PDB file of N, CA and C in Angstrom:
ATOM      1  N   UNK A   1     106.178  -4.885  97.357  1.00  0.00           N
ATOM      2  CA  UNK A   1     107.471  -5.182  96.581  1.00  0.00           C
ATOM      3  C   UNK A   1     107.620  -4.020  95.421  1.00  0.00           C
ATOM      4  N   UNK A   2     108.873  -3.474  95.481  1.00  0.00           N
ATOM      5  CA  UNK A   2     109.031  -2.409  94.527  1.00  0.00           C
ATOM      6  C   UNK A   2     109.562  -2.819  93.113  1.00  0.00           C
ATOM      7  N   UNK A   3     110.372  -3.956  93.127  1.00  0.00           N
ATOM      8  CA  UNK A   3     110.885  -4.472  91.824  1.00  0.00           C
ATOM      9  C   UNK A   3     111.507  -5.713  92.082  1.00  0.00           C
ATOM     10  N   UNK A   4     111.794  -6.541  90.992  1.00  0.00           N
ATOM     11  CA  UNK A   4     112.556  -7.748  90.993  1.00  0.00           C
ATOM     12  C   UNK A   4     113.879  -7.517  90.362  1.00  0.00           C
ATOM     13  N   UNK A   5     114.970  -8.115  90.938  1.00  0.00           N
ATOM     14  CA  UNK A   5     116.232  -8.034  90.215  1.00  0.00           C
ATOM     15  C   UNK A   5     116.671  -9.309  89.992  1.00  0.00           C
ATOM     16  N   UNK A   6     117.125  -9.587  88.662  1.00  0.00           N
ATOM     17  CA  UNK A   6     117.624 -10.769  88.217  1.00  0.00           C
ATOM     18  C   UNK A   6     118.906 -10.422  87.416  1.00  0.00           C
ATOM     19  N   UNK A   7     120.211 -10.706  88.146  1.00  0.00           N
ATOM     20  CA  UNK A   7     121.341 -10.072  87.459  1.00  0.00           C
ATOM     21  C   UNK A   7     122.571 -10.833  88.124  1.00  0.00           C
ATOM     22  N   UNK A   8     123.671 -10.423  87.480  1.00  0.00           N
ATOM     23  CA  UNK A   8     125.051 -10.835  88.106  1.00  0.00           C
ATOM     24  C   UNK A   8     125.723  -9.669  88.491  1.00  0.00           C
ATOM     25  N   UNK A   9     126.093  -9.676  89.725  1.00  0.00           N
ATOM     26  CA  UNK A   9     126.803  -8.481  90.402  1.00  0.00           C
ATOM     27  C   UNK A   9     128.224  -8.954  90.485  1.00  0.00           C
ATOM     28  N   UNK A  10     129.187  -8.190  90.204  1.00  0.00           N
ATOM     29  CA  UNK A  10     130.662  -8.402  90.263  1.00  0.00           C
ATOM     30  C   UNK A  10     131.174  -7.465  91.374  1.00  0.00           C
ATOM     31  N   UNK A  11     132.007  -7.977  92.288  1.00  0.00           N
ATOM     32  CA  UNK A  11     132.645  -7.232  93.295  1.00  0.00           C
ATOM     33  C   UNK A  11     134.174  -7.505  93.149  1.00  0.00           C
ATOM     34  N   UNK A  12     134.892  -6.394  93.215  1.00  0.00           N
ATOM     35  CA  UNK A  12     136.371  -6.512  93.143  1.00  0.00           C
ATOM     36  C   UNK A  12     137.051  -5.612  94.136  1.00  0.00           C
ATOM     37  N   UNK A  13     138.268  -6.162  94.509  1.00  0.00           N
ATOM     38  CA  UNK A  13     139.140  -5.406  95.252  1.00  0.00           C
ATOM     39  C   UNK A  13     140.360  -4.904  94.333  1.00  0.00           C
ATOM     40  N   UNK A  14     140.495  -3.622  94.445  1.00  0.00           N
ATOM     41  CA  UNK A  14     141.440  -2.934  93.358  1.00  0.00           C
ATOM     42  C   UNK A  14     142.592  -2.312  94.418  1.00  0.00           C
ATOM     43  N   UNK A  15     143.890  -2.565  93.702  1.00  0.00           N
ATOM     44  CA  UNK A  15     144.967  -1.871  94.433  1.00  0.00           C
ATOM     45  C   UNK A  15     145.467  -1.011  93.283  1.00  0.00           C
ATOM     46  N   UNK A  16     145.475   0.311  93.655  1.00  0.00           N
ATOM     47  CA  UNK A  16     145.919   1.402  92.747  1.00  0.00           C
ATOM     48  C   UNK A  16     145.321   1.158  91.381  1.00  0.00           C
ATOM     49  N   UNK A  17     143.980   0.880  91.451  1.00  0.00           N
ATOM     50  CA  UNK A  17     143.184   0.882  90.132  1.00  0.00           C
ATOM     51  C   UNK A  17     143.289  -0.415  89.327  1.00  0.00           C
ATOM     52  N   UNK A  18     143.893  -1.411  89.834  1.00  0.00           N
ATOM     53  CA  UNK A  18     144.134  -2.625  89.154  1.00  0.00           C
ATOM     54  C   UNK A  18     143.717  -3.882  90.201  1.00  0.00           C
ATOM     55  N   UNK A  19     143.256  -4.992  89.575  1.00  0.00           N
ATOM     56  CA  UNK A  19     142.829  -6.037  90.597  1.00  0.00           C
ATOM     57  C   UNK A  19     144.034  -6.522  91.461  1.00  0.00           C
ATOM     58  N   UNK A  20     143.561  -6.488  92.800  1.00  0.00           N
ATOM     59  CA  UNK A  20     144.671  -7.089  93.757  1.00  0.00           C
ATOM     60  C   UNK A  20     144.754  -8.530  93.724  1.00  0.00           C
ATOM     61  N   UNK A  21     145.928  -8.911  94.164  1.00  0.00           N
ATOM     62  CA  UNK A  21     146.185 -10.409  94.136  1.00  0.00           C
ATOM     63  C   UNK A  21     145.360 -11.060  95.345  1.00  0.00           C
ATOM     64  N   UNK A  22     144.146 -11.415  95.085  1.00  0.00           N
ATOM     65  CA  UNK A  22     143.306 -11.963  96.189  1.00  0.00           C
ATOM     66  C   UNK A  22     142.588 -13.123  95.308  1.00  0.00           C
ATOM     67  N   UNK A  23     142.329 -14.322  96.005  1.00  0.00           N
ATOM     68  CA  UNK A  23     141.540 -15.444  95.364  1.00  0.00           C
ATOM     69  C   UNK A  23     140.234 -14.978  95.246  1.00  0.00           C
ATOM     70  N   UNK A  24     139.651 -15.385  94.282  1.00  0.00           N
ATOM     71  CA  UNK A  24     138.114 -15.232  94.002  1.00  0.00           C
ATOM     72  C   UNK A  24     137.895 -13.790  93.503  1.00  0.00           C
ATOM     73  N   UNK A  25     138.941 -12.900  93.170  1.00  0.00           N
ATOM     74  CA  UNK A  25     138.896 -11.680  92.712  1.00  0.00           C
ATOM     75  C   UNK A  25     138.939 -11.450  91.234  1.00  0.00           C
ATOM     76  N   UNK A  26     137.952 -10.926  90.702  1.00  0.00           N
ATOM     77  CA  UNK A  26     136.678 -10.491  91.059  1.00  0.00           C
ATOM     78  C   UNK A  26     135.703 -11.538  91.285  1.00  0.00           C
ATOM     79  N   UNK A  27     135.017 -11.269  92.156  1.00  0.00           N
ATOM     80  CA  UNK A  27     133.886 -12.401  92.686  1.00  0.00           C
ATOM     81  C   UNK A  27     132.522 -11.958  92.013  1.00  0.00           C
ATOM     82  N   UNK A  28     132.022 -12.946  91.443  1.00  0.00           N
ATOM     83  CA  UNK A  28     130.701 -12.801  90.830  1.00  0.00           C
ATOM     84  C   UNK A  28     129.572 -13.281  91.639  1.00  0.00           C
ATOM     85  N   UNK A  29     128.418 -12.769  91.788  1.00  0.00           N
ATOM     86  CA  UNK A  29     127.213 -13.200  92.531  1.00  0.00           C
ATOM     87  C   UNK A  29     125.958 -13.135  91.669  1.00  0.00           C
ATOM     88  N   UNK A  30     125.189 -14.240  91.597  1.00  0.00           N
ATOM     89  CA  UNK A  30     124.138 -14.092  90.971  1.00  0.00           C
ATOM     90  C   UNK A  30     122.878 -13.822  92.028  1.00  0.00           C
ATOM     91  N   UNK A  31     122.235 -12.818  91.449  1.00  0.00           N
ATOM     92  CA  UNK A  31     120.937 -12.310  92.315  1.00  0.00           C
ATOM     93  C   UNK A  31     119.698 -12.627  91.567  1.00  0.00           C
ATOM     94  N   UNK A  32     118.794 -13.161  92.334  1.00  0.00           N
ATOM     95  CA  UNK A  32     117.482 -13.466  91.797  1.00  0.00           C
ATOM     96  C   UNK A  32     116.525 -13.160  92.937  1.00  0.00           C
ATOM     97  N   UNK A  33     115.937 -11.981  93.199  1.00  0.00           N
ATOM     98  CA  UNK A  33     115.173 -11.868  94.202  1.00  0.00           C
ATOM     99  C   UNK A  33     114.356 -10.520  94.183  1.00  0.00           C
ATOM    100  N   UNK A  34     113.190 -10.282  95.021  1.00  0.00           N
ATOM    101  CA  UNK A  34     112.372  -9.193  95.041  1.00  0.00           C
ATOM    102  C   UNK A  34     113.174  -8.199  95.952  1.00  0.00           C
ATOM    103  N   UNK A  35     113.030  -6.972  95.634  1.00  0.00           N
ATOM    104  CA  UNK A  35     113.636  -5.789  96.264  1.00  0.00           C
ATOM    105  C   UNK A  35     112.420  -4.960  96.803  1.00  0.00           C
ATOM    106  N   UNK A  36     112.567  -4.721  98.104  1.00  0.00           N
ATOM    107  CA  UNK A  36     111.524  -3.883  98.640  1.00  0.00           C
ATOM    108  C   UNK A  36     111.985  -2.137  98.635  1.00  0.00           C
ATOM    109  N   UNK A  37     111.070  -1.425  99.001  1.00  0.00           N
ATOM    110  CA  UNK A  37     111.347  -0.130  99.055  1.00  0.00           C
ATOM    111  C   UNK A  37     112.351   0.340 100.061  1.00  0.00           C
ATOM    112  N   UNK A  38     113.178   1.365  99.746  1.00  0.00           N
ATOM    113  CA  UNK A  38     114.369   1.667 100.681  1.00  0.00           C
ATOM    114  C   UNK A  38     115.683   0.786 100.402  1.00  0.00           C
ATOM    115  N   UNK A  39     116.322   0.534 101.526  1.00  0.00           N
ATOM    116  CA  UNK A  39     117.634  -0.160 101.388  1.00  0.00           C
ATOM    117  C   UNK A  39     117.546  -1.578 101.567  1.00  0.00           C
ATOM    118  N   UNK A  40     118.102  -2.368 100.622  1.00  0.00           N
ATOM    119  CA  UNK A  40     118.035  -3.841 100.540  1.00  0.00           C
ATOM    120  C   UNK A  40     119.498  -4.318 100.539  1.00  0.00           C
ATOM    121  N   UNK A  41     119.803  -5.377 101.498  1.00  0.00           N
ATOM    122  CA  UNK A  41     121.015  -5.947 101.486  1.00  0.00           C
ATOM    123  C   UNK A  41     121.037  -7.092 100.758  1.00  0.00           C
ATOM    124  N   UNK A  42     121.782  -7.270  99.538  1.00  0.00           N
ATOM    125  CA  UNK A  42     121.780  -8.457  98.779  1.00  0.00           C
ATOM    126  C   UNK A  42     122.597  -9.593  99.287  1.00  0.00           C
ATOM    127  N   UNK A  43     123.906  -9.144  99.662  1.00  0.00           N
ATOM    128  CA  UNK A  43     124.788 -10.233 100.163  1.00  0.00           C
ATOM    129  C   UNK A  43     125.856  -9.438 100.920  1.00  0.00           C
ATOM    130  N   UNK A  44     126.781 -10.239 101.742  1.00  0.00           N
ATOM    131  CA  UNK A  44     127.923  -9.701 102.408  1.00  0.00           C
ATOM    132  C   UNK A  44     129.142 -10.229 101.636  1.00  0.00           C
ATOM    133  N   UNK A  45     130.011  -9.540 101.498  1.00  0.00           N
ATOM    134  CA  UNK A  45     131.424  -9.887 100.891  1.00  0.00           C
ATOM    135  C   UNK A  45     132.572  -9.667 101.844  1.00  0.00           C
ATOM    136  N   UNK A  46     133.206 -10.558 102.215  1.00  0.00           N
ATOM    137  CA  UNK A  46     134.276 -10.500 103.063  1.00  0.00           C
ATOM    138  C   UNK A  46     135.591 -10.622 102.333  1.00  0.00           C
ATOM    139  N   UNK A  47     136.719  -9.672 102.651  1.00  0.00           N
ATOM    140  CA  UNK A  47     138.046  -9.958 102.217  1.00  0.00           C
ATOM    141  C   UNK A  47     138.723 -10.162 103.402  1.00  0.00           C
ATOM    142  N   UNK A  48     139.690 -11.362 103.391  1.00  0.00           N
ATOM    143  CA  UNK A  48     140.310 -11.656 104.569  1.00  0.00           C
ATOM    144  C   UNK A  48     141.714 -11.971 104.202  1.00  0.00           C
ATOM    145  N   UNK A  49     142.432 -11.895 105.236  1.00  0.00           N
ATOM    146  CA  UNK A  49     143.973 -12.236 105.274  1.00  0.00           C
ATOM    147  C   UNK A  49     144.871 -11.515 104.262  1.00  0.00           C
ATOM    148  N   UNK A  50     144.960 -10.333 104.293  1.00  0.00           N
ATOM    149  CA  UNK A  50     145.834  -9.479 103.443  1.00  0.00           C
ATOM    150  C   UNK A  50     147.177  -9.501 104.081  1.00  0.00           C
ATOM    151  N   UNK A  51     148.150 -10.147 103.427  1.00  0.00           N
ATOM    152  CA  UNK A  51     149.577 -10.088 104.039  1.00  0.00           C
ATOM    153  C   UNK A  51     150.458  -9.140 103.011  1.00  0.00           C
ATOM    154  N   UNK A  52     149.951  -8.659 102.040  1.00  0.00           N
ATOM    155  CA  UNK A  52     150.726  -7.773 101.045  1.00  0.00           C
ATOM    156  C   UNK A  52     150.985  -6.456 101.855  1.00  0.00           C
ATOM    157  N   UNK A  53     151.572  -5.698 100.849  1.00  0.00           N
ATOM    158  CA  UNK A  53     152.121  -4.335 101.460  1.00  0.00           C
ATOM    159  C   UNK A  53     151.002  -3.422 101.760  1.00  0.00           C
ATOM    160  N   UNK A  54     151.169  -2.619 102.933  1.00  0.00           N
ATOM    161  CA  UNK A  54     150.144  -1.818 103.443  1.00  0.00           C
ATOM    162  C   UNK A  54     150.497  -0.284 103.169  1.00  0.00           C
ATOM    163  N   UNK A  55     151.839  -0.137 102.580  1.00  0.00           N
ATOM    164  CA  UNK A  55     152.237   1.294 102.335  1.00  0.00           C
ATOM    165  C   UNK A  55     152.323   1.614 100.811  1.00  0.00           C
ATOM    166  N   UNK A  56     151.997   2.849 100.477  1.00  0.00           N
ATOM    167  CA  UNK A  56     152.056   3.335  99.216  1.00  0.00           C
ATOM    168  C   UNK A  56     150.945   2.828  98.240  1.00  0.00           C
ATOM    169  N   UNK A  57     149.973   2.103  98.711  1.00  0.00           N
ATOM    170  CA  UNK A  57     148.860   1.483  97.726  1.00  0.00           C
ATOM    171  C   UNK A  57     147.512   2.101  98.253  1.00  0.00           C
ATOM    172  N   UNK A  58     146.707   2.277  97.289  1.00  0.00           N
ATOM    173  CA  UNK A  58     145.400   2.673  97.595  1.00  0.00           C
ATOM    174  C   UNK A  58     144.392   1.618  97.366  1.00  0.00           C
ATOM    175  N   UNK A  59     143.604   1.052  98.155  1.00  0.00           N
ATOM    176  CA  UNK A  59     142.720  -0.018  97.862  1.00  0.00           C
ATOM    177  C   UNK A  59     141.238   0.278  97.876  1.00  0.00           C
ATOM    178  N   UNK A  60     140.620  -0.086  96.912  1.00  0.00           N
ATOM    179  CA  UNK A  60     139.224   0.306  96.669  1.00  0.00           C
ATOM    180  C   UNK A  60     138.321  -0.918  96.489  1.00  0.00           C
ATOM    181  N   UNK A  61     136.914  -0.806  96.745  1.00  0.00           N
ATOM    182  CA  UNK A  61     136.087  -1.887  96.410  1.00  0.00           C
ATOM    183  C   UNK A  61     135.301  -1.445  95.224  1.00  0.00           C
ATOM    184  N   UNK A  62     135.123  -2.388  94.381  1.00  0.00           N
ATOM    185  CA  UNK A  62     134.283  -1.952  93.139  1.00  0.00           C
ATOM    186  C   UNK A  62     133.068  -2.997  92.970  1.00  0.00           C
ATOM    187  N   UNK A  63     131.857  -2.441  93.053  1.00  0.00           N
ATOM    188  CA  UNK A  63     130.742  -3.211  92.619  1.00  0.00           C
ATOM    189  C   UNK A  63     130.286  -2.918  91.393  1.00  0.00           C
ATOM    190  N   UNK A  64     129.813  -3.911  90.371  1.00  0.00           N
ATOM    191  CA  UNK A  64     129.392  -3.660  89.172  1.00  0.00           C
ATOM    192  C   UNK A  64     128.056  -4.456  88.957  1.00  0.00           C
ATOM    193  N   UNK A  65     127.107  -3.804  88.150  1.00  0.00           N
ATOM    194  CA  UNK A  65     125.919  -4.379  87.762  1.00  0.00           C
ATOM    195  C   UNK A  65     125.710  -3.821  86.272  1.00  0.00           C
ATOM    196  N   UNK A  66     125.992  -4.522  85.357  1.00  0.00           N
ATOM    197  CA  UNK A  66     125.736  -4.030  84.012  1.00  0.00           C
ATOM    198  C   UNK A  66     126.776  -2.990  83.687  1.00  0.00           C
ATOM    199  N   UNK A  67     126.446  -1.872  83.297  1.00  0.00           N
ATOM    200  CA  UNK A  67     127.184  -0.651  83.038  1.00  0.00           C
ATOM    201  C   UNK A  67     127.216   0.326  84.140  1.00  0.00           C
ATOM    202  N   UNK A  68     126.639  -0.133  85.265  1.00  0.00           N
ATOM    203  CA  UNK A  68     126.680   0.757  86.532  1.00  0.00           C
ATOM    204  C   UNK A  68     127.810   0.309  87.390  1.00  0.00           C
ATOM    205  N   UNK A  69     128.517   1.082  88.032  1.00  0.00           N
ATOM    206  CA  UNK A  69     129.579   0.810  89.001  1.00  0.00           C
ATOM    207  C   UNK A  69     129.575   1.803  90.165  1.00  0.00           C
ATOM    208  N   UNK A  70     130.081   1.177  91.336  1.00  0.00           N
ATOM    209  CA  UNK A  70     130.106   2.008  92.623  1.00  0.00           C
ATOM    210  C   UNK A  70     131.448   1.547  93.172  1.00  0.00           C
ATOM    211  N   UNK A  71     132.132   2.599  93.533  1.00  0.00           N
ATOM    212  CA  UNK A  71     133.555   2.405  94.082  1.00  0.00           C
ATOM    213  C   UNK A  71     133.707   2.972  95.505  1.00  0.00           C
ATOM    214  N   UNK A  72     134.274   2.454  96.464  1.00  0.00           N
ATOM    215  CA  UNK A  72     134.560   2.993  97.838  1.00  0.00           C
ATOM    216  C   UNK A  72     135.867   2.412  98.151  1.00  0.00           C
ATOM    217  N   UNK A  73     136.556   3.443  98.883  1.00  0.00           N
ATOM    218  CA  UNK A  73     137.918   3.269  99.559  1.00  0.00           C
ATOM    219  C   UNK A  73     137.884   2.373 100.656  1.00  0.00           C
ATOM    220  N   UNK A  74     138.806   1.543 100.941  1.00  0.00           N
ATOM    221  CA  UNK A  74     139.087   0.635 102.155  1.00  0.00           C
ATOM    222  C   UNK A  74     139.775   1.592 103.139  1.00  0.00           C
ATOM    223  N   UNK A  75     139.265   2.051 104.248  1.00  0.00           N
ATOM    224  CA  UNK A  75     140.004   2.756 105.274  1.00  0.00           C
ATOM    225  C   UNK A  75     140.961   1.839 105.998  1.00  0.00           C
ATOM    226  N   UNK A  76     140.542   0.559 106.220  1.00  0.00           N
ATOM    227  CA  UNK A  76     141.322  -0.426 106.901  1.00  0.00           C
ATOM    228  C   UNK A  76     141.403  -1.708 105.965  1.00  0.00           C
ATOM    229  N   UNK A  77     142.616  -2.284 106.216  1.00  0.00           N
ATOM    230  CA  UNK A  77     142.813  -3.600 105.365  1.00  0.00           C
ATOM    231  C   UNK A  77     142.590  -4.773 106.295  1.00  0.00           C
ATOM    232  N   UNK A  78     142.389  -5.856 105.677  1.00  0.00           N
ATOM    233  CA  UNK A  78     142.313  -7.108 106.602  1.00  0.00           C
ATOM    234  C   UNK A  78     143.601  -7.498 107.285  1.00  0.00           C
ATOM    235  N   UNK A  79     143.483  -7.942 108.450  1.00  0.00           N
ATOM    236  CA  UNK A  79     144.746  -8.541 109.151  1.00  0.00           C
ATOM    237  C   UNK A  79     145.311  -9.743 108.530  1.00  0.00           C
ATOM    238  N   UNK A  80     146.557  -9.835 108.621  1.00  0.00           N
ATOM    239  CA  UNK A  80     147.393 -10.898 108.025  1.00  0.00           C
ATOM    240  C   UNK A  80     147.429 -11.959 109.018  1.00  0.00           C
ATOM    241  N   UNK A  81     146.702 -13.190 108.635  1.00  0.00           N
ATOM    242  CA  UNK A  81     146.594 -14.363 109.635  1.00  0.00           C
ATOM    243  C   UNK A  81     147.546 -15.393 109.205  1.00  0.00           C
ATOM    244  N   UNK A  82     147.744 -15.588 107.876  1.00  0.00           N
ATOM    245  CA  UNK A  82     148.634 -16.682 107.432  1.00  0.00           C
ATOM    246  C   UNK A  82     149.183 -16.412 105.838  1.00  0.00           C
ATOM    247  N   UNK A  83     150.393 -16.114 105.859  1.00  0.00           N
ATOM    248  CA  UNK A  83     151.070 -15.904 104.620  1.00  0.00           C
ATOM    249  C   UNK A  83     150.740 -17.312 103.568  1.00  0.00           C
ATOM    250  N   UNK A  84     150.579 -18.301 104.173  1.00  0.00           N
ATOM    251  CA  UNK A  84     150.575 -19.413 103.459  1.00  0.00           C
ATOM    252  C   UNK A  84     149.225 -19.678 102.654  1.00  0.00           C
ATOM    253  N   UNK A  85     148.106 -19.429 103.381  1.00  0.00           N
ATOM    254  CA  UNK A  85     146.767 -19.498 103.026  1.00  0.00           C
ATOM    255  C   UNK A  85     146.428 -18.325 101.850  1.00  0.00           C
ATOM    256  N   UNK A  86     147.071 -17.138 101.846  1.00  0.00           N
ATOM    257  CA  UNK A  86     146.728 -16.134 100.897  1.00  0.00           C
ATOM    258  C   UNK A  86     145.434 -15.315 101.274  1.00  0.00           C
ATOM    259  N   UNK A  87     145.386 -14.305 100.566  1.00  0.00           N
ATOM    260  CA  UNK A  87     144.137 -13.479 100.769  1.00  0.00           C
ATOM    261  C   UNK A  87     142.910 -13.997  99.879  1.00  0.00           C
ATOM    262  N   UNK A  88     141.630 -13.707 100.274  1.00  0.00           N
ATOM    263  CA  UNK A  88     140.555 -14.270  99.639  1.00  0.00           C
ATOM    264  C   UNK A  88     139.224 -13.447  99.904  1.00  0.00           C
ATOM    265  N   UNK A  89     138.434 -13.567  98.768  1.00  0.00           N
ATOM    266  CA  UNK A  89     137.099 -12.857  98.896  1.00  0.00           C
ATOM    267  C   UNK A  89     136.184 -14.005  98.965  1.00  0.00           C
ATOM    268  N   UNK A  90     135.051 -13.938  99.772  1.00  0.00           N
ATOM    269  CA  UNK A  90     134.022 -14.649  99.999  1.00  0.00           C
ATOM    270  C   UNK A  90     132.847 -13.968 100.237  1.00  0.00           C
ATOM    271  N   UNK A  91     131.514 -14.550  99.658  1.00  0.00           N
ATOM    272  CA  UNK A  91     130.186 -13.870  99.928  1.00  0.00           C
ATOM    273  C   UNK A  91     129.180 -14.860 100.251  1.00  0.00           C
ATOM    274  N   UNK A  92     128.381 -14.302 101.008  1.00  0.00           N
ATOM    275  CA  UNK A  92     126.918 -15.020 101.454  1.00  0.00           C
ATOM    276  C   UNK A  92     125.905 -14.085 101.315  1.00  0.00           C
ATOM    277  N   UNK A  93     124.818 -14.882 101.014  1.00  0.00           N
ATOM    278  CA  UNK A  93     123.405 -14.204 100.876  1.00  0.00           C
ATOM    279  C   UNK A  93     122.921 -13.654 102.093  1.00  0.00           C
ATOM    280  N   UNK A  94     122.001 -12.715 102.025  1.00  0.00           N
ATOM    281  CA  UNK A  94     121.295 -12.249 103.145  1.00  0.00           C
ATOM    282  C   UNK A  94     119.907 -12.789 103.240  1.00  0.00           C
TER     283      UNK A  94
END
């Protein structure tokens, strides 16, 4: 075991630097587990059902832990399956 992590991670979808209109955005995830050496997957986050604009906007994912942040651009947006149900973030542990 390399270390133990006990913290709350925050995951957000941003549209042009601001929170996108997505249910559960930002999503907080409580982590309490041992971390091994190398790469460790803590949880999967899924963004689904984006029916908003696909033009002129830049979408990024932001993960925060305390004062640390990582940001990555979305190269593809989720498919619009239902305008009625709206877009949503969900997470599950690994």
